[in-house]
Amino acid sequence: MHCKILGLPVQEGTGRLGCNMGPDGYRAAGIAQAIRELGHAFTDLGNLAPAAERPQSHPNSAIKSLPEAVAWIEAISEAAYRESEEGFPIFLGGDHLLAAGTVPGIARRAADKGRKQFILWLDAHTDFHTLETTASGNLHGTPVAYFTGQKGFEGYFPPLVAAVDPHNVCMMGIRSVDPAERAAIQKTKVSVCDMRLIDEHGVGALLRRFLERVQTENGLLHVSLDVDFLDPSIAPAVGTTVPGGATFREAHLIMEMLHDSKLVTSLDLVELNPFLDERGRTASIMVDLMASLLGRSVMDRPTRSY
C-alpha cells in the first residue's frame, strides 16, 4: 500500500486555538515510522493551505469564521479528490470541519468510479447541524449534514458534486447530540450507534453488520476518527471532551476489524489539539490506532513507557 499523509491545519471550526498544530503533532508522534515499519510505501505531502477567502455572511449571527471555513473546504475537497485517485490518503487534522472537504472530495472520486461511498464516523458528536441550526456557531459541528446533502448550505458552502447517501453513514461512539441535530438525524437513514448500543451489543457486532453491507454493495469506505471518540481519560488532547467514550481496547478492535475487512480506502485523523495533550500521549494513541488499521497486530506492538 502507498500511504500519503496530508496535513490539514484547520482550527477555524472549533472556536479555539491549537488544532492547527495537529498535523505536526502526528508527525512528532512517529506516524511516518509507524507506516514504514508495517512495510507500506510512504509520502508526506506536507500541509495544505486554504483557498482564497471571499467575503461571506449569514443571517445566523452565531456563526464564526464562515469565509475562512469555506476557503478551507474548497481547498481540502480538491486535494482529497486529487489524492484519492490512487494510494491510501491519510488526512491529518485539524478540527472536524476538514471532513466537509475530505468527504465531498473522495465521494466525487467514488462517483467517477461508479461506486458507492460509505462513511464510518467515529465521534462523540453527530456533527449534523446546518448553518441555520448551530447555536455555538462552531462549524466543525456541520460536516455530516453538509456532505449528506441536507438543506441550509446552499449559497455558502461549495455545491456538492456527489452527496453521500445518509443510509451509507454509520456513526459510532455518539454520546452528545443537540436537540436540533437529533430531530434532523431522525428523519434520515443514518445509522447511529451511541455508547448505550455499544455497551449493550459490543463494537464488534455493530461494526460487523455495517462492514458486511459495505462489502455486499462493493462500496468504498472512508473512516473519520475524532479524538473525542475516545474516552478523555486516555485521550485528553481535544477541546470537546465528553466522558464515557470508547476504551483503548474497543478502539483497537474497531481498527483491527477494519484492517481485516480490506474495505477502507481513506482516513481522517481529526481534532488533535497538542496544546491540550499530556507529553504527546493522545497523538501517540491516535498513531497507534492508525497502525492497527494498517495491519499492526497485538504481537507487533512494543512495550512503551509514558
C-alpha atoms as a PDB file:
ATOM      1  CA  MET A   1       0.000   0.000   0.000  1.00  0.00           C
ATOM      2  CA  HIS A   2       1.176   3.523  -0.773  1.00  0.00           C
ATOM      3  CA  CYS A   3       0.177   5.755   2.138  1.00  0.00           C
ATOM      4  CA  LYS A   4       0.076   9.509   1.607  1.00  0.00           C
ATOM      5  CA  ILE A   5      -0.303  11.870   4.542  1.00  0.00           C
ATOM      6  CA  LEU A   6      -1.611  15.379   4.030  1.00  0.00           C
ATOM      7  CA  GLY A   7      -1.684  17.887   6.868  1.00  0.00           C
ATOM      8  CA  LEU A   8      -4.833  19.987   7.173  1.00  0.00           C
ATOM      9  CA  PRO A   9      -4.073  22.583   9.877  1.00  0.00           C
ATOM     10  CA  VAL A  10      -7.665  23.727  10.289  1.00  0.00           C
ATOM     11  CA  GLN A  11      -8.712  25.353  13.556  1.00  0.00           C
ATOM     12  CA  GLU A  12     -11.414  27.727  12.323  1.00  0.00           C
ATOM     13  CA  GLY A  13     -14.193  25.224  13.015  1.00  0.00           C
ATOM     14  CA  THR A  14     -13.685  24.937  16.770  1.00  0.00           C
ATOM     15  CA  GLY A  15     -13.748  28.460  18.114  1.00  0.00           C
ATOM     16  CA  ARG A  16     -10.472  27.864  19.972  1.00  0.00           C
ATOM     17  CA  LEU A  17      -6.791  27.744  19.067  1.00  0.00           C
ATOM     18  CA  GLY A  18      -4.490  24.726  18.857  1.00  0.00           C
ATOM     19  CA  CYS A  19      -5.829  22.265  16.268  1.00  0.00           C
ATOM     20  CA  ASN A  20      -3.644  23.869  13.612  1.00  0.00           C
ATOM     21  CA  MET A  21      -0.731  22.145  15.373  1.00  0.00           C
ATOM     22  CA  GLY A  22      -2.370  18.732  14.959  1.00  0.00           C
ATOM     23  CA  PRO A  23      -0.647  17.600  11.737  1.00  0.00           C
ATOM     24  CA  ASP A  24       2.822  18.250  13.133  1.00  0.00           C
ATOM     25  CA  GLY A  25       1.772  16.604  16.395  1.00  0.00           C
ATOM     26  CA  TYR A  26       1.141  13.385  14.474  1.00  0.00           C
ATOM     27  CA  ARG A  27       4.478  13.723  12.726  1.00  0.00           C
ATOM     28  CA  ALA A  28       6.254  14.207  16.059  1.00  0.00           C
ATOM     29  CA  ALA A  29       4.448  11.120  17.392  1.00  0.00           C
ATOM     30  CA  GLY A  30       6.110   8.999  14.688  1.00  0.00           C
ATOM     31  CA  ILE A  31       3.405   8.493  12.083  1.00  0.00           C
ATOM     32  CA  ALA A  32       5.952   8.090   9.275  1.00  0.00           C
ATOM     33  CA  GLN A  33       7.951   5.496  11.180  1.00  0.00           C
ATOM     34  CA  ALA A  34       4.788   3.564  12.090  1.00  0.00           C
ATOM     35  CA  ILE A  35       3.743   3.353   8.438  1.00  0.00           C
ATOM     36  CA  ARG A  36       7.196   2.301   7.234  1.00  0.00           C
ATOM     37  CA  GLU A  37       7.560  -0.359   9.942  1.00  0.00           C
ATOM     38  CA  LEU A  38       4.434  -2.016   8.546  1.00  0.00           C
ATOM     39  CA  GLY A  39       6.082  -2.268   5.115  1.00  0.00           C
ATOM     40  CA  HIS A  40       3.995   0.365   3.353  1.00  0.00           C
ATOM     41  CA  ALA A  41       5.346   2.936   0.921  1.00  0.00           C
ATOM     42  CA  PHE A  42       5.053   6.435   2.309  1.00  0.00           C
ATOM     43  CA  THR A  43       4.854  10.016   1.078  1.00  0.00           C
ATOM     44  CA  ASP A  44       4.420  13.128   3.209  1.00  0.00           C
ATOM     45  CA  LEU A  45       2.634  15.744   1.100  1.00  0.00           C
ATOM     46  CA  GLY A  46       3.208  18.494   3.652  1.00  0.00           C
ATOM     47  CA  ASN A  47       0.494  20.809   4.925  1.00  0.00           C
ATOM     48  CA  LEU A  48      -2.285  22.217   2.742  1.00  0.00           C
ATOM     49  CA  ALA A  49      -3.113  25.924   2.601  1.00  0.00           C
ATOM     50  CA  PRO A  50      -6.687  27.240   2.276  1.00  0.00           C
ATOM     51  CA  ALA A  51      -8.076  28.725  -0.925  1.00  0.00           C
ATOM     52  CA  ALA A  52      -8.531  32.462  -1.276  1.00  0.00           C
ATOM     53  CA  GLU A  53     -11.188  33.866   1.037  1.00  0.00           C
ATOM     54  CA  ARG A  54     -14.303  35.640  -0.188  1.00  0.00           C
ATOM     55  CA  PRO A  55     -16.477  37.912   1.966  1.00  0.00           C
ATOM     56  CA  GLN A  56     -19.449  35.956   3.312  1.00  0.00           C
ATOM     57  CA  SER A  57     -22.075  36.496   5.967  1.00  0.00           C
ATOM     58  CA  HIS A  58     -25.082  34.525   7.201  1.00  0.00           C
ATOM     59  CA  PRO A  59     -28.289  35.521   8.994  1.00  0.00           C
ATOM     60  CA  ASN A  60     -27.262  33.280  11.905  1.00  0.00           C
ATOM     61  CA  SER A  61     -25.079  35.738  13.810  1.00  0.00           C
ATOM     62  CA  ALA A  62     -23.603  32.957  15.961  1.00  0.00           C
ATOM     63  CA  ILE A  63     -21.591  31.532  13.040  1.00  0.00           C
ATOM     64  CA  LYS A  64     -17.851  32.009  13.384  1.00  0.00           C
ATOM     65  CA  SER A  65     -15.211  32.253  10.654  1.00  0.00           C
ATOM     66  CA  LEU A  66     -17.503  31.463   7.708  1.00  0.00           C
ATOM     67  CA  PRO A  67     -15.209  32.872   4.964  1.00  0.00           C
ATOM     68  CA  GLU A  68     -12.212  31.038   6.428  1.00  0.00           C
ATOM     69  CA  ALA A  69     -14.166  27.791   6.748  1.00  0.00           C
ATOM     70  CA  VAL A  70     -15.362  27.915   3.141  1.00  0.00           C
ATOM     71  CA  ALA A  71     -11.824  28.619   1.929  1.00  0.00           C
ATOM     72  CA  TRP A  72     -10.607  25.513   3.742  1.00  0.00           C
ATOM     73  CA  ILE A  73     -13.456  23.344   2.444  1.00  0.00           C
ATOM     74  CA  GLU A  74     -12.754  24.339  -1.157  1.00  0.00           C
ATOM     75  CA  ALA A  75      -9.032  23.572  -0.901  1.00  0.00           C
ATOM     76  CA  ILE A  76      -9.478  20.324   1.014  1.00  0.00           C
ATOM     77  CA  SER A  77     -12.158  18.980  -1.316  1.00  0.00           C
ATOM     78  CA  GLU A  78      -9.923  19.435  -4.348  1.00  0.00           C
ATOM     79  CA  ALA A  79      -6.941  17.916  -2.554  1.00  0.00           C
ATOM     80  CA  ALA A  80      -8.959  14.909  -1.363  1.00  0.00           C
ATOM     81  CA  TYR A  81     -10.279  14.313  -4.867  1.00  0.00           C
ATOM     82  CA  ARG A  82      -6.765  14.507  -6.300  1.00  0.00           C
ATOM     83  CA  GLU A  83      -5.059  12.316  -3.711  1.00  0.00           C
ATOM     84  CA  SER A  84      -7.786   9.650  -3.728  1.00  0.00           C
ATOM     85  CA  GLU A  85      -7.106   8.763  -7.352  1.00  0.00           C
ATOM     86  CA  GLU A  86      -4.514   6.247  -6.194  1.00  0.00           C
ATOM     87  CA  GLY A  87      -2.868   5.205  -2.953  1.00  0.00           C
ATOM     88  CA  PHE A  88      -4.230   5.448   0.586  1.00  0.00           C
ATOM     89  CA  PRO A  89      -4.662   9.082   1.696  1.00  0.00           C
ATOM     90  CA  ILE A  90      -4.485   9.882   5.411  1.00  0.00           C
ATOM     91  CA  PHE A  91      -5.698  13.368   6.280  1.00  0.00           C
ATOM     92  CA  LEU A  92      -4.170  14.824   9.433  1.00  0.00           C
ATOM     93  CA  GLY A  93      -6.190  17.462  11.259  1.00  0.00           C
ATOM     94  CA  GLY A  94      -7.043  19.888  12.299  1.00  0.00           C
ATOM     95  CA  ASP A  95     -10.608  20.119  13.512  1.00  0.00           C
ATOM     96  CA  HIS A  96     -13.528  18.119  12.121  1.00  0.00           C
ATOM     97  CA  LEU A  97     -14.538  20.905   9.767  1.00  0.00           C
ATOM     98  CA  LEU A  98     -11.989  19.295   7.450  1.00  0.00           C
ATOM     99  CA  ALA A  99     -14.424  16.407   6.785  1.00  0.00           C
ATOM    100  CA  ALA A 100     -16.624  18.924   4.960  1.00  0.00           C
ATOM    101  CA  GLY A 101     -13.790  18.853   2.410  1.00  0.00           C
ATOM    102  CA  THR A 102     -12.313  15.361   2.584  1.00  0.00           C
ATOM    103  CA  VAL A 103     -15.626  13.511   2.267  1.00  0.00           C
ATOM    104  CA  PRO A 104     -17.007  15.518  -0.706  1.00  0.00           C
ATOM    105  CA  GLY A 105     -13.649  15.071  -2.435  1.00  0.00           C
ATOM    106  CA  ILE A 106     -13.456  11.308  -2.025  1.00  0.00           C
ATOM    107  CA  ALA A 107     -17.193  10.919  -2.731  1.00  0.00           C
ATOM    108  CA  ARG A 108     -16.621  12.682  -6.038  1.00  0.00           C
ATOM    109  CA  ARG A 109     -13.851  10.163  -6.797  1.00  0.00           C
ATOM    110  CA  ALA A 110     -16.165   7.273  -5.869  1.00  0.00           C
ATOM    111  CA  ALA A 111     -18.786   8.637  -8.269  1.00  0.00           C
ATOM    112  CA  ASP A 112     -16.147   8.705 -11.027  1.00  0.00           C
ATOM    113  CA  LYS A 113     -15.527   5.017 -10.351  1.00  0.00           C
ATOM    114  CA  GLY A 114     -19.232   4.210 -10.312  1.00  0.00           C
ATOM    115  CA  ARG A 115     -19.088   3.016  -6.691  1.00  0.00           C
ATOM    116  CA  LYS A 116     -20.922   3.984  -3.519  1.00  0.00           C
ATOM    117  CA  GLN A 117     -19.128   5.963  -0.833  1.00  0.00           C
ATOM    118  CA  PHE A 118     -19.580   4.775   2.750  1.00  0.00           C
ATOM    119  CA  ILE A 119     -18.519   6.678   5.873  1.00  0.00           C
ATOM    120  CA  LEU A 120     -17.626   5.332   9.309  1.00  0.00           C
ATOM    121  CA  TRP A 121     -17.903   8.321  11.644  1.00  0.00           C
ATOM    122  CA  LEU A 122     -16.094   7.671  14.948  1.00  0.00           C
ATOM    123  CA  ASP A 123     -17.007  10.611  17.152  1.00  0.00           C
ATOM    124  CA  ALA A 124     -18.743  11.696  20.333  1.00  0.00           C
ATOM    125  CA  HIS A 125     -20.897  14.029  18.233  1.00  0.00           C
ATOM    126  CA  THR A 126     -23.087  13.602  15.160  1.00  0.00           C
ATOM    127  CA  ASP A 127     -21.929  16.921  13.625  1.00  0.00           C
ATOM    128  CA  PHE A 128     -25.333  17.196  11.984  1.00  0.00           C
ATOM    129  CA  HIS A 129     -26.027  20.898  12.448  1.00  0.00           C
ATOM    130  CA  THR A 130     -26.751  23.166   9.487  1.00  0.00           C
ATOM    131  CA  LEU A 131     -25.761  26.803   9.226  1.00  0.00           C
ATOM    132  CA  GLU A 132     -29.269  27.645  10.399  1.00  0.00           C
ATOM    133  CA  THR A 133     -29.397  25.380  13.453  1.00  0.00           C
ATOM    134  CA  THR A 134     -25.953  25.782  15.021  1.00  0.00           C
ATOM    135  CA  ALA A 135     -26.208  27.713  18.264  1.00  0.00           C
ATOM    136  CA  SER A 136     -22.495  27.670  19.091  1.00  0.00           C
ATOM    137  CA  GLY A 137     -21.538  28.841  15.603  1.00  0.00           C
ATOM    138  CA  ASN A 138     -18.629  26.378  15.577  1.00  0.00           C
ATOM    139  CA  LEU A 139     -18.660  24.925  12.075  1.00  0.00           C
ATOM    140  CA  HIS A 140     -16.907  21.665  12.995  1.00  0.00           C
ATOM    141  CA  GLY A 141     -20.427  20.651  14.025  1.00  0.00           C
ATOM    142  CA  THR A 142     -21.766  20.777  10.439  1.00  0.00           C
ATOM    143  CA  PRO A 143     -19.812  18.369   8.153  1.00  0.00           C
ATOM    144  CA  VAL A 144     -22.150  15.365   8.142  1.00  0.00           C
ATOM    145  CA  ALA A 145     -25.240  17.440   7.451  1.00  0.00           C
ATOM    146  CA  TYR A 146     -23.370  19.138   4.621  1.00  0.00           C
ATOM    147  CA  PHE A 147     -21.865  16.120   2.864  1.00  0.00           C
ATOM    148  CA  THR A 148     -25.127  14.173   3.075  1.00  0.00           C
ATOM    149  CA  GLY A 149     -26.866  16.961   1.180  1.00  0.00           C
ATOM    150  CA  GLN A 150     -29.065  18.419   3.907  1.00  0.00           C
ATOM    151  CA  LYS A 151     -30.638  21.806   3.219  1.00  0.00           C
ATOM    152  CA  GLY A 152     -29.221  25.038   4.614  1.00  0.00           C
ATOM    153  CA  PHE A 153     -25.785  25.202   2.980  1.00  0.00           C
ATOM    154  CA  GLU A 154     -26.784  26.461  -0.469  1.00  0.00           C
ATOM    155  CA  GLY A 155     -25.022  29.655  -1.438  1.00  0.00           C
ATOM    156  CA  TYR A 156     -22.476  29.343   1.356  1.00  0.00           C
ATOM    157  CA  PHE A 157     -20.589  26.031   1.297  1.00  0.00           C
ATOM    158  CA  PRO A 158     -19.403  24.789  -2.131  1.00  0.00           C
ATOM    159  CA  PRO A 159     -22.007  22.876  -4.198  1.00  0.00           C
ATOM    160  CA  LEU A 160     -21.665  19.106  -3.826  1.00  0.00           C
ATOM    161  CA  VAL A 161     -20.701  17.142  -6.929  1.00  0.00           C
ATOM    162  CA  ALA A 162     -21.662  13.872  -5.204  1.00  0.00           C
ATOM    163  CA  ALA A 163     -23.525  13.903  -1.892  1.00  0.00           C
ATOM    164  CA  VAL A 164     -23.169  10.847   0.346  1.00  0.00           C
ATOM    165  CA  ASP A 165     -26.376   8.877   0.844  1.00  0.00           C
ATOM    166  CA  PRO A 166     -27.216   9.202   4.582  1.00  0.00           C
ATOM    167  CA  HIS A 167     -28.001   5.469   4.599  1.00  0.00           C
ATOM    168  CA  ASN A 168     -24.300   4.893   3.859  1.00  0.00           C
ATOM    169  CA  VAL A 169     -23.138   6.679   7.030  1.00  0.00           C
ATOM    170  CA  CYS A 170     -22.531   4.737  10.238  1.00  0.00           C
ATOM    171  CA  MET A 171     -21.743   6.682  13.415  1.00  0.00           C
ATOM    172  CA  MET A 172     -20.169   5.023  16.432  1.00  0.00           C
ATOM    173  CA  GLY A 173     -19.359   6.396  19.879  1.00  0.00           C
ATOM    174  CA  ILE A 174     -22.089   9.056  19.859  1.00  0.00           C
ATOM    175  CA  ARG A 175     -22.903  10.496  23.294  1.00  0.00           C
ATOM    176  CA  SER A 176     -23.515  14.231  22.837  1.00  0.00           C
ATOM    177  CA  VAL A 177     -26.291  15.353  20.458  1.00  0.00           C
ATOM    178  CA  ASP A 178     -28.082  18.710  20.409  1.00  0.00           C
ATOM    179  CA  PRO A 179     -31.898  18.708  20.080  1.00  0.00           C
ATOM    180  CA  ALA A 180     -31.826  20.205  16.567  1.00  0.00           C
ATOM    181  CA  GLU A 181     -29.371  17.547  15.414  1.00  0.00           C
ATOM    182  CA  ARG A 182     -31.455  14.782  16.971  1.00  0.00           C
ATOM    183  CA  ALA A 183     -34.603  15.967  15.202  1.00  0.00           C
ATOM    184  CA  ALA A 184     -32.810  16.256  11.844  1.00  0.00           C
ATOM    185  CA  ILE A 185     -30.952  12.965  12.001  1.00  0.00           C
ATOM    186  CA  GLN A 186     -34.080  11.016  12.926  1.00  0.00           C
ATOM    187  CA  LYS A 187     -35.513  11.994   9.540  1.00  0.00           C
ATOM    188  CA  THR A 188     -32.645  10.232   7.753  1.00  0.00           C
ATOM    189  CA  LYS A 189     -31.338   6.674   7.496  1.00  0.00           C
ATOM    190  CA  VAL A 190     -28.006   7.473   9.157  1.00  0.00           C
ATOM    191  CA  SER A 191     -27.045   4.567  11.433  1.00  0.00           C
ATOM    192  CA  VAL A 192     -26.278   5.928  14.903  1.00  0.00           C
ATOM    193  CA  CYS A 193     -24.534   3.537  17.295  1.00  0.00           C
ATOM    194  CA  ASP A 194     -24.378   5.503  20.519  1.00  0.00           C
ATOM    195  CA  MET A 195     -22.448   4.402  23.580  1.00  0.00           C
ATOM    196  CA  ARG A 196     -25.508   2.637  25.020  1.00  0.00           C
ATOM    197  CA  LEU A 197     -25.740   0.412  21.942  1.00  0.00           C
ATOM    198  CA  ILE A 198     -22.019  -0.268  22.202  1.00  0.00           C
ATOM    199  CA  ASP A 199     -22.396  -1.157  25.880  1.00  0.00           C
ATOM    200  CA  GLU A 200     -25.326  -3.483  25.144  1.00  0.00           C
ATOM    201  CA  HIS A 201     -24.099  -5.197  21.981  1.00  0.00           C
ATOM    202  CA  GLY A 202     -20.358  -4.526  21.730  1.00  0.00           C
ATOM    203  CA  VAL A 203     -18.486  -2.703  18.985  1.00  0.00           C
ATOM    204  CA  GLY A 204     -17.674  -5.921  17.135  1.00  0.00           C
ATOM    205  CA  ALA A 205     -21.248  -6.926  16.373  1.00  0.00           C
ATOM    206  CA  LEU A 206     -22.294  -3.397  15.409  1.00  0.00           C
ATOM    207  CA  LEU A 207     -19.314  -2.805  13.134  1.00  0.00           C
ATOM    208  CA  ARG A 208     -19.534  -6.233  11.502  1.00  0.00           C
ATOM    209  CA  ARG A 209     -23.091  -5.526  10.362  1.00  0.00           C
ATOM    210  CA  PHE A 210     -22.014  -2.287   8.683  1.00  0.00           C
ATOM    211  CA  LEU A 211     -18.929  -3.797   7.045  1.00  0.00           C
ATOM    212  CA  GLU A 212     -20.982  -6.631   5.589  1.00  0.00           C
ATOM    213  CA  ARG A 213     -23.192  -4.074   3.878  1.00  0.00           C
ATOM    214  CA  VAL A 214     -20.214  -2.130   2.513  1.00  0.00           C
ATOM    215  CA  GLN A 215     -18.798  -5.347   1.078  1.00  0.00           C
ATOM    216  CA  THR A 216     -22.120  -6.525  -0.347  1.00  0.00           C
ATOM    217  CA  GLU A 217     -22.601  -3.223  -2.160  1.00  0.00           C
ATOM    218  CA  ASN A 218     -18.964  -3.031  -3.359  1.00  0.00           C
ATOM    219  CA  GLY A 219     -18.529   0.286  -1.597  1.00  0.00           C
ATOM    220  CA  LEU A 220     -15.523   2.446  -0.823  1.00  0.00           C
ATOM    221  CA  LEU A 221     -15.095   3.128   2.904  1.00  0.00           C
ATOM    222  CA  HIS A 222     -13.762   6.321   4.441  1.00  0.00           C
ATOM    223  CA  VAL A 223     -13.067   6.386   8.187  1.00  0.00           C
ATOM    224  CA  SER A 224     -13.207   9.682  10.065  1.00  0.00           C
ATOM    225  CA  LEU A 225     -11.681   9.256  13.531  1.00  0.00           C
ATOM    226  CA  ASP A 226     -12.162  12.093  16.019  1.00  0.00           C
ATOM    227  CA  VAL A 227     -10.033  12.185  19.172  1.00  0.00           C
ATOM    228  CA  ASP A 228     -13.195  12.645  21.238  1.00  0.00           C
ATOM    229  CA  PHE A 229     -14.448   9.240  20.104  1.00  0.00           C
ATOM    230  CA  LEU A 230     -12.066   8.008  22.788  1.00  0.00           C
ATOM    231  CA  ASP A 231     -12.673   8.452  26.482  1.00  0.00           C
ATOM    232  CA  PRO A 232     -10.896  11.615  27.691  1.00  0.00           C
ATOM    233  CA  SER A 233      -9.121   9.593  30.378  1.00  0.00           C
ATOM    234  CA  ILE A 234      -6.940   8.086  27.642  1.00  0.00           C
ATOM    235  CA  ALA A 235      -7.082  10.888  25.044  1.00  0.00           C
ATOM    236  CA  PRO A 236      -7.268  14.330  26.677  1.00  0.00           C
ATOM    237  CA  ALA A 237      -5.953  16.435  23.762  1.00  0.00           C
ATOM    238  CA  VAL A 238      -9.276  17.655  22.411  1.00  0.00           C
ATOM    239  CA  GLY A 239     -11.364  20.729  23.117  1.00  0.00           C
ATOM    240  CA  THR A 240     -14.672  18.833  23.100  1.00  0.00           C
ATOM    241  CA  THR A 241     -14.152  16.115  25.710  1.00  0.00           C
ATOM    242  CA  VAL A 242     -17.219  14.048  26.612  1.00  0.00           C
ATOM    243  CA  PRO A 243     -16.966  11.419  29.389  1.00  0.00           C
ATOM    244  CA  GLY A 244     -17.871   7.821  28.649  1.00  0.00           C
ATOM    245  CA  GLY A 245     -16.089   7.344  25.348  1.00  0.00           C
ATOM    246  CA  ALA A 246     -14.568   4.297  23.719  1.00  0.00           C
ATOM    247  CA  THR A 247     -11.870   2.431  25.612  1.00  0.00           C
ATOM    248  CA  PHE A 248      -8.391   1.770  24.268  1.00  0.00           C
ATOM    249  CA  ARG A 249      -9.327  -1.843  23.556  1.00  0.00           C
ATOM    250  CA  GLU A 250     -12.649  -1.032  21.876  1.00  0.00           C
ATOM    251  CA  ALA A 251     -10.922   1.439  19.580  1.00  0.00           C
ATOM    252  CA  HIS A 252      -8.208  -1.049  18.648  1.00  0.00           C
ATOM    253  CA  LEU A 253     -10.757  -3.765  17.970  1.00  0.00           C
ATOM    254  CA  ILE A 254     -12.506  -1.448  15.511  1.00  0.00           C
ATOM    255  CA  MET A 255      -9.229  -0.693  13.751  1.00  0.00           C
ATOM    256  CA  GLU A 256      -8.218  -4.353  13.615  1.00  0.00           C
ATOM    257  CA  MET A 257     -11.594  -5.330  12.172  1.00  0.00           C
ATOM    258  CA  LEU A 258     -11.314  -2.550   9.604  1.00  0.00           C
ATOM    259  CA  HIS A 259      -7.903  -3.861   8.565  1.00  0.00           C
ATOM    260  CA  ASP A 260      -9.207  -7.402   8.255  1.00  0.00           C
ATOM    261  CA  SER A 261     -12.107  -6.192   6.098  1.00  0.00           C
ATOM    262  CA  LYS A 262      -9.751  -4.678   3.484  1.00  0.00           C
ATOM    263  CA  LEU A 263     -12.517  -2.170   2.705  1.00  0.00           C
ATOM    264  CA  VAL A 264     -11.016   1.098   3.976  1.00  0.00           C
ATOM    265  CA  THR A 265      -9.692   3.403   1.242  1.00  0.00           C
ATOM    266  CA  SER A 266      -9.034   6.662   3.132  1.00  0.00           C
ATOM    267  CA  LEU A 267      -8.760   8.026   6.673  1.00  0.00           C
ATOM    268  CA  ASP A 268      -9.211  11.241   8.671  1.00  0.00           C
ATOM    269  CA  LEU A 269      -7.414  11.748  11.999  1.00  0.00           C
ATOM    270  CA  VAL A 270      -9.018  14.840  13.494  1.00  0.00           C
ATOM    271  CA  GLU A 271      -9.442  17.208  16.450  1.00  0.00           C
ATOM    272  CA  LEU A 272      -5.967  16.639  17.918  1.00  0.00           C
ATOM    273  CA  ASN A 273      -5.005  19.753  19.880  1.00  0.00           C
ATOM    274  CA  PRO A 274      -1.390  19.254  21.016  1.00  0.00           C
ATOM    275  CA  PHE A 275      -1.706  22.305  23.295  1.00  0.00           C
ATOM    276  CA  LEU A 276      -4.074  20.209  25.443  1.00  0.00           C
ATOM    277  CA  ASP A 277      -2.072  16.974  25.343  1.00  0.00           C
ATOM    278  CA  GLU A 278      -0.017  15.302  28.067  1.00  0.00           C
ATOM    279  CA  ARG A 279       3.528  14.630  26.803  1.00  0.00           C
ATOM    280  CA  GLY A 280       2.214  13.594  23.387  1.00  0.00           C
ATOM    281  CA  ARG A 281       0.007  10.886  24.873  1.00  0.00           C
ATOM    282  CA  THR A 282      -3.048  11.438  22.669  1.00  0.00           C
ATOM    283  CA  ALA A 283      -1.048  11.842  19.470  1.00  0.00           C
ATOM    284  CA  SER A 284       0.753   8.566  20.183  1.00  0.00           C
ATOM    285  CA  ILE A 285      -2.522   6.725  20.805  1.00  0.00           C
ATOM    286  CA  MET A 286      -4.001   8.043  17.554  1.00  0.00           C
ATOM    287  CA  VAL A 287      -0.906   6.958  15.609  1.00  0.00           C
ATOM    288  CA  ASP A 288      -1.135   3.566  17.296  1.00  0.00           C
ATOM    289  CA  LEU A 289      -4.772   3.239  16.206  1.00  0.00           C
ATOM    290  CA  MET A 290      -3.843   4.171  12.644  1.00  0.00           C
ATOM    291  CA  ALA A 291      -1.158   1.477  12.740  1.00  0.00           C
ATOM    292  CA  SER A 292      -3.764  -1.114  13.764  1.00  0.00           C
ATOM    293  CA  LEU A 293      -5.880  -0.060  10.795  1.00  0.00           C
ATOM    294  CA  LEU A 294      -2.843  -0.528   8.549  1.00  0.00           C
ATOM    295  CA  GLY A 295      -2.070  -4.001   9.855  1.00  0.00           C
ATOM    296  CA  ARG A 296      -0.221  -3.857  13.158  1.00  0.00           C
ATOM    297  CA  SER A 297      -1.258  -6.759  15.380  1.00  0.00           C
ATOM    298  CA  VAL A 298      -1.016  -7.165  19.137  1.00  0.00           C
ATOM    299  CA  MET A 299       2.118  -9.244  18.592  1.00  0.00           C
ATOM    300  CA  ASP A 300       3.758  -6.306  16.791  1.00  0.00           C
ATOM    301  CA  ARG A 301       3.091  -3.692  19.484  1.00  0.00           C
ATOM    302  CA  PRO A 302       6.167  -2.776  21.531  1.00  0.00           C
ATOM    303  CA  THR A 303       6.040  -2.048  25.247  1.00  0.00           C
ATOM    304  CA  ARG A 304       6.090   1.711  25.764  1.00  0.00           C
ATOM    305  CA  SER A 305       6.691   3.783  28.862  1.00  0.00           C
ATOM    306  CA  TYR A 306       4.935   7.141  29.172  1.00  0.00           C
END
